[in-house]
Amino acid sequence: ARLAPDVKAVVLRVNSPGGSALASDVIWRETILLKEAGKTLVVSMGDL
């Protein structure tokens, strides 16, 4: 989504109790790069 020229923003739909700290950090890093690329990130939380 970050690299696609037609995508202007991302809605991340999260429904998770968590898990691996390392895996979470890898995903977090991509959210930072998305924002640094000038694209909007909005999170929608479900039950968890």
All heavy atoms as atom14 arrays in JSON, in Angstrom:
{
  "sequence": "ARLAPDVKAVVLRVNSPGGSALASDVIWRETILLKEAGKTLVVSMGDL",
  "atom14_mask": [
    [1, 1, 1, 1, 1, 0, 0, 0, 0, 0, 0, 0, 0, 0],
    [1, 1, 1, 1, 1, 1, 1, 1, 1, 1, 1, 0, 0, 0],
    [1, 1, 1, 1, 1, 1, 1, 1, 0, 0, 0, 0, 0, 0],
    [1, 1, 1, 1, 1, 0, 0, 0, 0, 0, 0, 0, 0, 0],
    [1, 1, 1, 1, 1, 1, 1, 0, 0, 0, 0, 0, 0, 0],
    [1, 1, 1, 1, 1, 1, 1, 1, 0, 0, 0, 0, 0, 0],
    [1, 1, 1, 1, 1, 1, 1, 0, 0, 0, 0, 0, 0, 0],
    [1, 1, 1, 1, 1, 1, 1, 1, 1, 0, 0, 0, 0, 0],
    [1, 1, 1, 1, 1, 0, 0, 0, 0, 0, 0, 0, 0, 0],
    [1, 1, 1, 1, 1, 1, 1, 0, 0, 0, 0, 0, 0, 0],
    [1, 1, 1, 1, 1, 1, 1, 0, 0, 0, 0, 0, 0, 0],
    [1, 1, 1, 1, 1, 1, 1, 1, 0, 0, 0, 0, 0, 0],
    [1, 1, 1, 1, 1, 1, 1, 1, 1, 1, 1, 0, 0, 0],
    [1, 1, 1, 1, 1, 1, 1, 0, 0, 0, 0, 0, 0, 0],
    [1, 1, 1, 1, 1, 1, 1, 1, 0, 0, 0, 0, 0, 0],
    [1, 1, 1, 1, 1, 1, 0, 0, 0, 0, 0, 0, 0, 0],
    [1, 1, 1, 1, 1, 1, 1, 0, 0, 0, 0, 0, 0, 0],
    [1, 1, 1, 1, 0, 0, 0, 0, 0, 0, 0, 0, 0, 0],
    [1, 1, 1, 1, 0, 0, 0, 0, 0, 0, 0, 0, 0, 0],
    [1, 1, 1, 1, 1, 1, 0, 0, 0, 0, 0, 0, 0, 0],
    [1, 1, 1, 1, 1, 0, 0, 0, 0, 0, 0, 0, 0, 0],
    [1, 1, 1, 1, 1, 1, 1, 1, 0, 0, 0, 0, 0, 0],
    [1, 1, 1, 1, 1, 0, 0, 0, 0, 0, 0, 0, 0, 0],
    [1, 1, 1, 1, 1, 1, 0, 0, 0, 0, 0, 0, 0, 0],
    [1, 1, 1, 1, 1, 1, 1, 1, 0, 0, 0, 0, 0, 0],
    [1, 1, 1, 1, 1, 1, 1, 0, 0, 0, 0, 0, 0, 0],
    [1, 1, 1, 1, 1, 1, 1, 1, 0, 0, 0, 0, 0, 0],
    [1, 1, 1, 1, 1, 1, 1, 1, 1, 1, 1, 1, 1, 1],
    [1, 1, 1, 1, 1, 1, 1, 1, 1, 1, 1, 0, 0, 0],
    [1, 1, 1, 1, 1, 1, 1, 1, 1, 0, 0, 0, 0, 0],
    [1, 1, 1, 1, 1, 1, 1, 0, 0, 0, 0, 0, 0, 0],
    [1, 1, 1, 1, 1, 1, 1, 1, 0, 0, 0, 0, 0, 0],
    [1, 1, 1, 1, 1, 1, 1, 1, 0, 0, 0, 0, 0, 0],
    [1, 1, 1, 1, 1, 1, 1, 1, 0, 0, 0, 0, 0, 0],
    [1, 1, 1, 1, 1, 1, 1, 1, 1, 0, 0, 0, 0, 0],
    [1, 1, 1, 1, 1, 1, 1, 1, 1, 0, 0, 0, 0, 0],
    [1, 1, 1, 1, 1, 0, 0, 0, 0, 0, 0, 0, 0, 0],
    [1, 1, 1, 1, 0, 0, 0, 0, 0, 0, 0, 0, 0, 0],
    [1, 1, 1, 1, 1, 1, 1, 1, 1, 0, 0, 0, 0, 0],
    [1, 1, 1, 1, 1, 1, 1, 0, 0, 0, 0, 0, 0, 0],
    [1, 1, 1, 1, 1, 1, 1, 1, 0, 0, 0, 0, 0, 0],
    [1, 1, 1, 1, 1, 1, 1, 0, 0, 0, 0, 0, 0, 0],
    [1, 1, 1, 1, 1, 1, 1, 0, 0, 0, 0, 0, 0, 0],
    [1, 1, 1, 1, 1, 1, 0, 0, 0, 0, 0, 0, 0, 0],
    [1, 1, 1, 1, 1, 1, 1, 1, 0, 0, 0, 0, 0, 0],
    [1, 1, 1, 1, 0, 0, 0, 0, 0, 0, 0, 0, 0, 0],
    [1, 1, 1, 1, 1, 1, 1, 1, 0, 0, 0, 0, 0, 0],
    [1, 1, 1, 1, 1, 1, 1, 1, 0, 0, 0, 0, 0, 0]
  ],
  "atom14_positions": [
    [[0.83, -1.21, 0.0], [0.0, 0.0, 0.0], [0.87, 1.26, 0.0], [0.53, 2.26, -0.63], [-0.91, -0.02, 1.22], [0.0, 0.0, 0.0], [0.0, 0.0, 0.0], [0.0, 0.0, 0.0], [0.0, 0.0, 0.0], [0.0, 0.0, 0.0], [0.0, 0.0, 0.0], [0.0, 0.0, 0.0], [0.0, 0.0, 0.0], [0.0, 0.0, 0.0]],
    [[1.99, 1.2, 0.7], [2.89, 2.36, 0.75], [3.47, 2.66, -0.63], [3.6, 3.82, -1.02], [4.01, 2.09, 1.76], [5.19, 3.06, 1.66], [6.11, 2.94, 2.85], [6.67, 1.63, 3.05], [7.83, 1.21, 2.53], [8.52, 2.02, 1.72], [8.29, 0.01, 2.8], [0.0, 0.0, 0.0], [0.0, 0.0, 0.0], [0.0, 0.0, 0.0]],
    [[3.83, 1.62, -1.37], [4.5, 1.82, -2.66], [3.54, 2.04, -3.8], [3.93, 2.55, -4.85], [5.39, 0.6, -2.95], [6.55, 0.36, -1.97], [7.29, -0.92, -2.33], [7.5, 1.54, -1.96], [0.0, 0.0, 0.0], [0.0, 0.0, 0.0], [0.0, 0.0, 0.0], [0.0, 0.0, 0.0], [0.0, 0.0, 0.0], [0.0, 0.0, 0.0]],
    [[2.27, 1.66, -3.64], [1.3, 1.79, -4.73], [0.96, 3.27, -4.94], [0.49, 3.94, -4.01], [0.03, 1.0, -4.41], [0.0, 0.0, 0.0], [0.0, 0.0, 0.0], [0.0, 0.0, 0.0], [0.0, 0.0, 0.0], [0.0, 0.0, 0.0], [0.0, 0.0, 0.0], [0.0, 0.0, 0.0], [0.0, 0.0, 0.0], [0.0, 0.0, 0.0]],
    [[1.15, 3.8, -6.13], [0.91, 5.23, -6.36], [-0.55, 5.63, -6.25], [-0.85, 6.81, -5.98], [1.44, 5.45, -7.78], [1.43, 4.11, -8.42], [1.68, 3.13, -7.33], [0.0, 0.0, 0.0], [0.0, 0.0, 0.0], [0.0, 0.0, 0.0], [0.0, 0.0, 0.0], [0.0, 0.0, 0.0], [0.0, 0.0, 0.0], [0.0, 0.0, 0.0]],
    [[-1.49, 4.7, -6.45], [-2.9, 5.07, -6.39], [-3.47, 5.03, -4.98], [-4.53, 5.59, -4.72], [-3.73, 4.17, -7.31], [-3.57, 2.69, -7.0], [-2.53, 2.32, -6.4], [-4.47, 1.9, -7.35], [0.0, 0.0, 0.0], [0.0, 0.0, 0.0], [0.0, 0.0, 0.0], [0.0, 0.0, 0.0], [0.0, 0.0, 0.0], [0.0, 0.0, 0.0]],
    [[-2.79, 4.39, -4.05], [-3.28, 4.31, -2.68], [-2.91, 5.59, -1.93], [-1.74, 5.96, -1.83], [-2.7, 3.08, -1.94], [-3.09, 3.11, -0.46], [-3.2, 1.79, -2.58], [0.0, 0.0, 0.0], [0.0, 0.0, 0.0], [0.0, 0.0, 0.0], [0.0, 0.0, 0.0], [0.0, 0.0, 0.0], [0.0, 0.0, 0.0], [0.0, 0.0, 0.0]],
    [[-3.92, 6.26, -1.4], [-3.71, 7.51, -0.68], [-3.68, 7.31, 0.83], [-3.08, 8.13, 1.55], [-4.82, 8.51, -1.02], [-5.07, 8.7, -2.5], [-3.83, 9.18, -3.23], [-4.12, 9.36, -4.73], [-2.88, 9.68, -5.49], [0.0, 0.0, 0.0], [0.0, 0.0, 0.0], [0.0, 0.0, 0.0], [0.0, 0.0, 0.0], [0.0, 0.0, 0.0]],
    [[-4.34, 6.27, 1.31], [-4.45, 6.07, 2.76], [-4.71, 4.6, 3.04], [-5.15, 3.84, 2.17], [-5.56, 6.93, 3.35], [0.0, 0.0, 0.0], [0.0, 0.0, 0.0], [0.0, 0.0, 0.0], [0.0, 0.0, 0.0], [0.0, 0.0, 0.0], [0.0, 0.0, 0.0], [0.0, 0.0, 0.0], [0.0, 0.0, 0.0], [0.0, 0.0, 0.0]],
    [[-4.45, 4.22, 4.29], [-4.65, 2.84, 4.73], [-5.55, 2.85, 5.97], [-5.36, 3.65, 6.89], [-3.32, 2.16, 5.07], [-3.55, 0.84, 5.8], [-2.51, 1.92, 3.8], [0.0, 0.0, 0.0], [0.0, 0.0, 0.0], [0.0, 0.0, 0.0], [0.0, 0.0, 0.0], [0.0, 0.0, 0.0], [0.0, 0.0, 0.0], [0.0, 0.0, 0.0]],
    [[-6.52, 1.96, 5.96], [-7.31, 1.68, 7.16], [-6.9, 0.3, 7.64], [-7.11, -0.7, 6.94], [-8.83, 1.73, 6.89], [-9.6, 1.31, 8.15], [-9.25, 3.12, 6.45], [0.0, 0.0, 0.0], [0.0, 0.0, 0.0], [0.0, 0.0, 0.0], [0.0, 0.0, 0.0], [0.0, 0.0, 0.0], [0.0, 0.0, 0.0], [0.0, 0.0, 0.0]],
    [[-6.28, 0.24, 8.81], [-5.83, -1.03, 9.38], [-6.9, -1.51, 10.35], [-7.15, -0.89, 11.39], [-4.5, -0.84, 10.1], [-3.86, -2.08, 10.72], [-3.51, -3.11, 9.65], [-2.62, -1.7, 11.53], [0.0, 0.0, 0.0], [0.0, 0.0, 0.0], [0.0, 0.0, 0.0], [0.0, 0.0, 0.0], [0.0, 0.0, 0.0], [0.0, 0.0, 0.0]],
    [[-7.55, -2.61, 10.01], [-8.6, -3.18, 10.83], [-7.97, -4.21, 11.77], [-7.5, -5.27, 11.33], [-9.67, -3.85, 9.96], [-10.76, -4.59, 10.74], [-11.61, -3.65, 11.58], [-12.76, -4.37, 12.15], [-13.67, -3.81, 12.93], [-13.58, -2.53, 13.25], [-14.68, -4.53, 13.39], [0.0, 0.0, 0.0], [0.0, 0.0, 0.0], [0.0, 0.0, 0.0]],
    [[-7.92, -3.9, 13.06], [-7.22, -4.73, 14.03], [-8.23, -5.43, 14.93], [-9.09, -4.8, 15.54], [-6.25, -3.88, 14.89], [-5.57, -4.76, 15.94], [-5.22, -3.2, 14.01], [0.0, 0.0, 0.0], [0.0, 0.0, 0.0], [0.0, 0.0, 0.0], [0.0, 0.0, 0.0], [0.0, 0.0, 0.0], [0.0, 0.0, 0.0], [0.0, 0.0, 0.0]],
    [[-8.09, -6.75, 15.0], [-8.88, -7.55, 15.94], [-7.95, -8.63, 16.46], [-7.88, -9.73, 15.91], [-10.1, -8.15, 15.26], [-11.11, -8.68, 16.26], [-10.92, -8.56, 17.47], [-12.19, -9.27, 15.78], [0.0, 0.0, 0.0], [0.0, 0.0, 0.0], [0.0, 0.0, 0.0], [0.0, 0.0, 0.0], [0.0, 0.0, 0.0], [0.0, 0.0, 0.0]],
    [[-7.19, -8.29, 17.51], [-6.11, -9.18, 17.93], [-5.84, -9.06, 19.42], [-5.85, -7.96, 19.98], [-4.83, -8.83, 17.16], [-3.72, -9.53, 17.68], [0.0, 0.0, 0.0], [0.0, 0.0, 0.0], [0.0, 0.0, 0.0], [0.0, 0.0, 0.0], [0.0, 0.0, 0.0], [0.0, 0.0, 0.0], [0.0, 0.0, 0.0], [0.0, 0.0, 0.0]],
    [[-5.57, -10.21, 20.07], [-5.15, -10.18, 21.48], [-3.66, -9.96, 21.63], [-3.14, -9.94, 22.74], [-5.54, -11.59, 21.97], [-5.31, -12.44, 20.75], [-5.72, -11.59, 19.57], [0.0, 0.0, 0.0], [0.0, 0.0, 0.0], [0.0, 0.0, 0.0], [0.0, 0.0, 0.0], [0.0, 0.0, 0.0], [0.0, 0.0, 0.0], [0.0, 0.0, 0.0]],
    [[-2.94, -9.82, 20.51], [-1.49, -9.64, 20.55], [-0.77, -10.94, 20.24], [-1.33, -11.86, 19.65], [0.0, 0.0, 0.0], [0.0, 0.0, 0.0], [0.0, 0.0, 0.0], [0.0, 0.0, 0.0], [0.0, 0.0, 0.0], [0.0, 0.0, 0.0], [0.0, 0.0, 0.0], [0.0, 0.0, 0.0], [0.0, 0.0, 0.0], [0.0, 0.0, 0.0]],
    [[0.46, -11.02, 20.66], [1.28, -12.2, 20.38], [2.75, -11.87, 20.47], [3.19, -11.18, 21.39], [0.0, 0.0, 0.0], [0.0, 0.0, 0.0], [0.0, 0.0, 0.0], [0.0, 0.0, 0.0], [0.0, 0.0, 0.0], [0.0, 0.0, 0.0], [0.0, 0.0, 0.0], [0.0, 0.0, 0.0], [0.0, 0.0, 0.0], [0.0, 0.0, 0.0]],
    [[3.51, -12.31, 19.5], [4.96, -12.14, 19.5], [5.35, -10.67, 19.53], [4.89, -9.87, 18.71], [5.56, -12.82, 18.27], [6.88, -12.35, 18.02], [0.0, 0.0, 0.0], [0.0, 0.0, 0.0], [0.0, 0.0, 0.0], [0.0, 0.0, 0.0], [0.0, 0.0, 0.0], [0.0, 0.0, 0.0], [0.0, 0.0, 0.0], [0.0, 0.0, 0.0]],
    [[6.25, -10.32, 20.46], [6.74, -8.94, 20.54], [7.56, -8.6, 19.3], [7.45, -7.5, 18.75], [7.58, -8.76, 21.81], [0.0, 0.0, 0.0], [0.0, 0.0, 0.0], [0.0, 0.0, 0.0], [0.0, 0.0, 0.0], [0.0, 0.0, 0.0], [0.0, 0.0, 0.0], [0.0, 0.0, 0.0], [0.0, 0.0, 0.0], [0.0, 0.0, 0.0]],
    [[8.4, -9.54, 18.84], [9.23, -9.29, 17.66], [8.36, -9.09, 16.42], [8.57, -8.15, 15.65], [10.19, -10.47, 17.44], [11.02, -10.43, 16.16], [11.9, -9.2, 16.12], [11.85, -11.7, 16.03], [0.0, 0.0, 0.0], [0.0, 0.0, 0.0], [0.0, 0.0, 0.0], [0.0, 0.0, 0.0], [0.0, 0.0, 0.0], [0.0, 0.0, 0.0]],
    [[7.37, -9.96, 16.23], [6.5, -9.84, 15.06], [5.72, -8.53, 15.1], [5.52, -7.87, 14.07], [5.54, -11.03, 15.01], [0.0, 0.0, 0.0], [0.0, 0.0, 0.0], [0.0, 0.0, 0.0], [0.0, 0.0, 0.0], [0.0, 0.0, 0.0], [0.0, 0.0, 0.0], [0.0, 0.0, 0.0], [0.0, 0.0, 0.0], [0.0, 0.0, 0.0]],
    [[5.28, -8.12, 16.29], [4.56, -6.85, 16.42], [5.45, -5.69, 16.01], [5.0, -4.74, 15.35], [4.09, -6.66, 17.87], [3.21, -7.7, 18.26], [0.0, 0.0, 0.0], [0.0, 0.0, 0.0], [0.0, 0.0, 0.0], [0.0, 0.0, 0.0], [0.0, 0.0, 0.0], [0.0, 0.0, 0.0], [0.0, 0.0, 0.0], [0.0, 0.0, 0.0]],
    [[6.71, -5.75, 16.4], [7.64, -4.67, 16.09], [7.9, -4.58, 14.59], [8.03, -3.48, 14.04], [8.96, -4.89, 16.83], [9.83, -3.65, 16.85], [9.31, -2.56, 17.13], [11.04, -3.77, 16.56], [0.0, 0.0, 0.0], [0.0, 0.0, 0.0], [0.0, 0.0, 0.0], [0.0, 0.0, 0.0], [0.0, 0.0, 0.0], [0.0, 0.0, 0.0]],
    [[7.96, -5.71, 13.91], [8.16, -5.72, 12.46], [6.99, -5.02, 11.76], [7.18, -4.22, 10.84], [8.31, -7.17, 11.95], [8.26, -7.22, 10.43], [9.62, -7.77, 12.45], [0.0, 0.0, 0.0], [0.0, 0.0, 0.0], [0.0, 0.0, 0.0], [0.0, 0.0, 0.0], [0.0, 0.0, 0.0], [0.0, 0.0, 0.0], [0.0, 0.0, 0.0]],
    [[5.77, -5.32, 12.21], [4.58, -4.68, 11.61], [4.56, -3.19, 11.95], [4.27, -2.35, 11.1], [3.3, -5.39, 12.1], [3.29, -6.85, 11.64], [2.06, -4.66, 11.6], [2.19, -7.69, 12.26], [0.0, 0.0, 0.0], [0.0, 0.0, 0.0], [0.0, 0.0, 0.0], [0.0, 0.0, 0.0], [0.0, 0.0, 0.0], [0.0, 0.0, 0.0]],
    [[4.88, -2.86, 13.21], [4.91, -1.44, 13.62], [5.84, -0.64, 12.72], [5.52, 0.48, 12.31], [5.36, -1.34, 15.07], [5.62, 0.06, 15.52], [4.72, 0.95, 16.04], [6.87, 0.76, 15.47], [5.33, 2.15, 16.32], [6.65, 2.07, 15.98], [8.16, 0.43, 15.05], [7.67, 3.02, 16.09], [9.17, 1.37, 15.15], [8.92, 2.65, 15.66]],
    [[6.99, -1.2, 12.4], [7.96, -0.48, 11.57], [7.35, -0.12, 10.21], [7.56, 0.98, 9.69], [9.21, -1.33, 11.38], [10.25, -0.74, 10.43], [10.78, 0.59, 10.93], [11.75, 1.15, 10.0], [12.32, 2.34, 10.15], [12.03, 3.09, 11.21], [13.19, 2.79, 9.27], [0.0, 0.0, 0.0], [0.0, 0.0, 0.0], [0.0, 0.0, 0.0]],
    [[6.57, -1.03, 9.64], [5.95, -0.74, 8.34], [4.92, 0.37, 8.46], [4.73, 1.14, 7.51], [5.32, -2.01, 7.75], [6.32, -2.96, 7.11], [7.06, -2.33, 5.93], [6.5, -1.43, 5.27], [8.21, -2.73, 5.67], [0.0, 0.0, 0.0], [0.0, 0.0, 0.0], [0.0, 0.0, 0.0], [0.0, 0.0, 0.0], [0.0, 0.0, 0.0]],
    [[4.24, 0.47, 9.61], [3.29, 1.58, 9.77], [4.03, 2.91, 9.81], [3.54, 3.92, 9.31], [2.43, 1.41, 11.05], [3.25, 1.54, 12.22], [1.72, 0.07, 11.06], [0.0, 0.0, 0.0], [0.0, 0.0, 0.0], [0.0, 0.0, 0.0], [0.0, 0.0, 0.0], [0.0, 0.0, 0.0], [0.0, 0.0, 0.0], [0.0, 0.0, 0.0]],
    [[5.21, 2.93, 10.41], [6.02, 4.15, 10.45], [6.47, 4.54, 9.04], [6.39, 5.72, 8.65], [7.24, 3.95, 11.37], [6.79, 3.77, 12.82], [8.2, 5.14, 11.25], [6.08, 4.96, 13.41], [0.0, 0.0, 0.0], [0.0, 0.0, 0.0], [0.0, 0.0, 0.0], [0.0, 0.0, 0.0], [0.0, 0.0, 0.0], [0.0, 0.0, 0.0]],
    [[6.92, 3.57, 8.26], [7.37, 3.85, 6.89], [6.21, 4.36, 6.04], [6.39, 5.22, 5.18], [7.98, 2.59, 6.27], [9.27, 2.09, 6.92], [9.71, 0.79, 6.26], [10.38, 3.13, 6.81], [0.0, 0.0, 0.0], [0.0, 0.0, 0.0], [0.0, 0.0, 0.0], [0.0, 0.0, 0.0], [0.0, 0.0, 0.0], [0.0, 0.0, 0.0]],
    [[5.02, 3.83, 6.29], [3.83, 4.28, 5.56], [3.59, 5.76, 5.82], [3.35, 6.55, 4.89], [2.62, 3.46, 5.98], [1.29, 3.83, 5.31], [1.22, 3.26, 3.9], [0.11, 3.32, 6.14], [0.0, 0.0, 0.0], [0.0, 0.0, 0.0], [0.0, 0.0, 0.0], [0.0, 0.0, 0.0], [0.0, 0.0, 0.0], [0.0, 0.0, 0.0]],
    [[3.67, 6.17, 7.07], [3.45, 7.56, 7.42], [4.58, 8.45, 6.88], [4.33, 9.57, 6.42], [3.35, 7.7, 8.94], [2.1, 7.05, 9.52], [2.05, 7.18, 11.03], [1.99, 8.64, 11.46], [1.91, 8.78, 12.94], [0.0, 0.0, 0.0], [0.0, 0.0, 0.0], [0.0, 0.0, 0.0], [0.0, 0.0, 0.0], [0.0, 0.0, 0.0]],
    [[5.81, 7.95, 6.93], [6.93, 8.73, 6.4], [6.8, 8.94, 4.89], [7.34, 9.91, 4.35], [8.25, 8.03, 6.72], [8.62, 8.08, 8.21], [9.91, 7.37, 8.51], [10.45, 6.69, 7.59], [10.4, 7.47, 9.66], [0.0, 0.0, 0.0], [0.0, 0.0, 0.0], [0.0, 0.0, 0.0], [0.0, 0.0, 0.0], [0.0, 0.0, 0.0]],
    [[6.07, 8.03, 4.23], [5.84, 8.17, 2.79], [4.72, 9.18, 2.51], [4.38, 9.41, 1.34], [5.49, 6.82, 2.19], [0.0, 0.0, 0.0], [0.0, 0.0, 0.0], [0.0, 0.0, 0.0], [0.0, 0.0, 0.0], [0.0, 0.0, 0.0], [0.0, 0.0, 0.0], [0.0, 0.0, 0.0], [0.0, 0.0, 0.0], [0.0, 0.0, 0.0]],
    [[4.16, 9.77, 3.55], [3.13, 10.79, 3.37], [1.73, 10.26, 3.26], [0.81, 10.99, 2.85], [0.0, 0.0, 0.0], [0.0, 0.0, 0.0], [0.0, 0.0, 0.0], [0.0, 0.0, 0.0], [0.0, 0.0, 0.0], [0.0, 0.0, 0.0], [0.0, 0.0, 0.0], [0.0, 0.0, 0.0], [0.0, 0.0, 0.0], [0.0, 0.0, 0.0]],
    [[1.52, 8.99, 3.6], [0.19, 8.41, 3.5], [-0.46, 8.31, 4.88], [0.21, 8.08, 5.89], [0.26, 7.03, 2.84], [0.8, 7.12, 1.41], [0.64, 5.84, 0.64], [1.12, 6.01, -0.81], [0.91, 4.83, -1.65], [0.0, 0.0, 0.0], [0.0, 0.0, 0.0], [0.0, 0.0, 0.0], [0.0, 0.0, 0.0], [0.0, 0.0, 0.0]],
    [[-1.76, 8.48, 4.91], [-2.52, 8.48, 6.16], [-2.76, 7.05, 6.62], [-3.08, 6.17, 5.83], [-3.86, 9.2, 5.97], [-3.61, 10.56, 5.6], [-4.68, 9.17, 7.25], [0.0, 0.0, 0.0], [0.0, 0.0, 0.0], [0.0, 0.0, 0.0], [0.0, 0.0, 0.0], [0.0, 0.0, 0.0], [0.0, 0.0, 0.0], [0.0, 0.0, 0.0]],
    [[-2.61, 6.83, 7.93], [-2.91, 5.54, 8.53], [-3.99, 5.73, 9.59], [-3.8, 6.5, 10.55], [-1.66, 4.93, 9.17], [-1.89, 3.66, 10.0], [-2.4, 2.52, 9.12], [-0.62, 3.25, 10.74], [0.0, 0.0, 0.0], [0.0, 0.0, 0.0], [0.0, 0.0, 0.0], [0.0, 0.0, 0.0], [0.0, 0.0, 0.0], [0.0, 0.0, 0.0]],
    [[-5.11, 5.07, 9.41], [-6.2, 5.09, 10.38], [-6.44, 3.66, 10.84], [-6.48, 2.73, 10.01], [-7.48, 5.69, 9.78], [-8.66, 5.55, 10.76], [-7.26, 7.16, 9.44], [0.0, 0.0, 0.0], [0.0, 0.0, 0.0], [0.0, 0.0, 0.0], [0.0, 0.0, 0.0], [0.0, 0.0, 0.0], [0.0, 0.0, 0.0], [0.0, 0.0, 0.0]],
    [[-6.59, 3.48, 12.14], [-6.85, 2.14, 12.69], [-8.3, 2.05, 13.13], [-8.84, 2.97, 13.75], [-5.91, 1.85, 13.89], [-6.42, 0.66, 14.7], [-4.5, 1.57, 13.4], [0.0, 0.0, 0.0], [0.0, 0.0, 0.0], [0.0, 0.0, 0.0], [0.0, 0.0, 0.0], [0.0, 0.0, 0.0], [0.0, 0.0, 0.0], [0.0, 0.0, 0.0]],
    [[-8.92, 0.94, 12.78], [-10.26, 0.6, 13.25], [-10.15, -0.66, 14.1], [-9.73, -1.7, 13.61], [-11.21, 0.36, 12.08], [-12.42, -0.23, 12.52], [0.0, 0.0, 0.0], [0.0, 0.0, 0.0], [0.0, 0.0, 0.0], [0.0, 0.0, 0.0], [0.0, 0.0, 0.0], [0.0, 0.0, 0.0], [0.0, 0.0, 0.0], [0.0, 0.0, 0.0]],
    [[-10.51, -0.56, 15.37], [-10.39, -1.69, 16.29], [-11.69, -2.45, 16.39], [-12.76, -1.85, 16.49], [-9.97, -1.2, 17.68], [-8.59, -0.58, 17.73], [-8.2, 0.03, 19.39], [-6.45, 0.44, 19.19], [0.0, 0.0, 0.0], [0.0, 0.0, 0.0], [0.0, 0.0, 0.0], [0.0, 0.0, 0.0], [0.0, 0.0, 0.0], [0.0, 0.0, 0.0]],
    [[-11.59, -3.77, 16.4], [-12.76, -4.62, 16.55], [-13.0, -4.97, 18.01], [-12.92, -4.12, 18.89], [0.0, 0.0, 0.0], [0.0, 0.0, 0.0], [0.0, 0.0, 0.0], [0.0, 0.0, 0.0], [0.0, 0.0, 0.0], [0.0, 0.0, 0.0], [0.0, 0.0, 0.0], [0.0, 0.0, 0.0], [0.0, 0.0, 0.0], [0.0, 0.0, 0.0]],
    [[-13.25, -6.24, 18.3], [-13.48, -6.66, 19.68], [-12.23, -6.49, 20.53], [-12.3, -6.15, 21.71], [-13.91, -8.14, 19.73], [-15.28, -8.36, 19.11], [-16.07, -7.4, 19.09], [-15.54, -9.48, 18.64], [0.0, 0.0, 0.0], [0.0, 0.0, 0.0], [0.0, 0.0, 0.0], [0.0, 0.0, 0.0], [0.0, 0.0, 0.0], [0.0, 0.0, 0.0]],
    [[-11.06, -6.74, 19.92], [-9.8, -6.75, 20.65], [-8.73, -5.98, 19.88], [-8.59, -6.14, 18.67], [-9.29, -8.18, 20.84], [-10.07, -9.13, 21.75], [-9.55, -10.55, 21.55], [-9.89, -8.72, 23.19], [0.0, 0.0, 0.0], [0.0, 0.0, 0.0], [0.0, 0.0, 0.0], [0.0, 0.0, 0.0], [0.0, 0.0, 0.0], [0.0, 0.0, 0.0]]
  ]
}
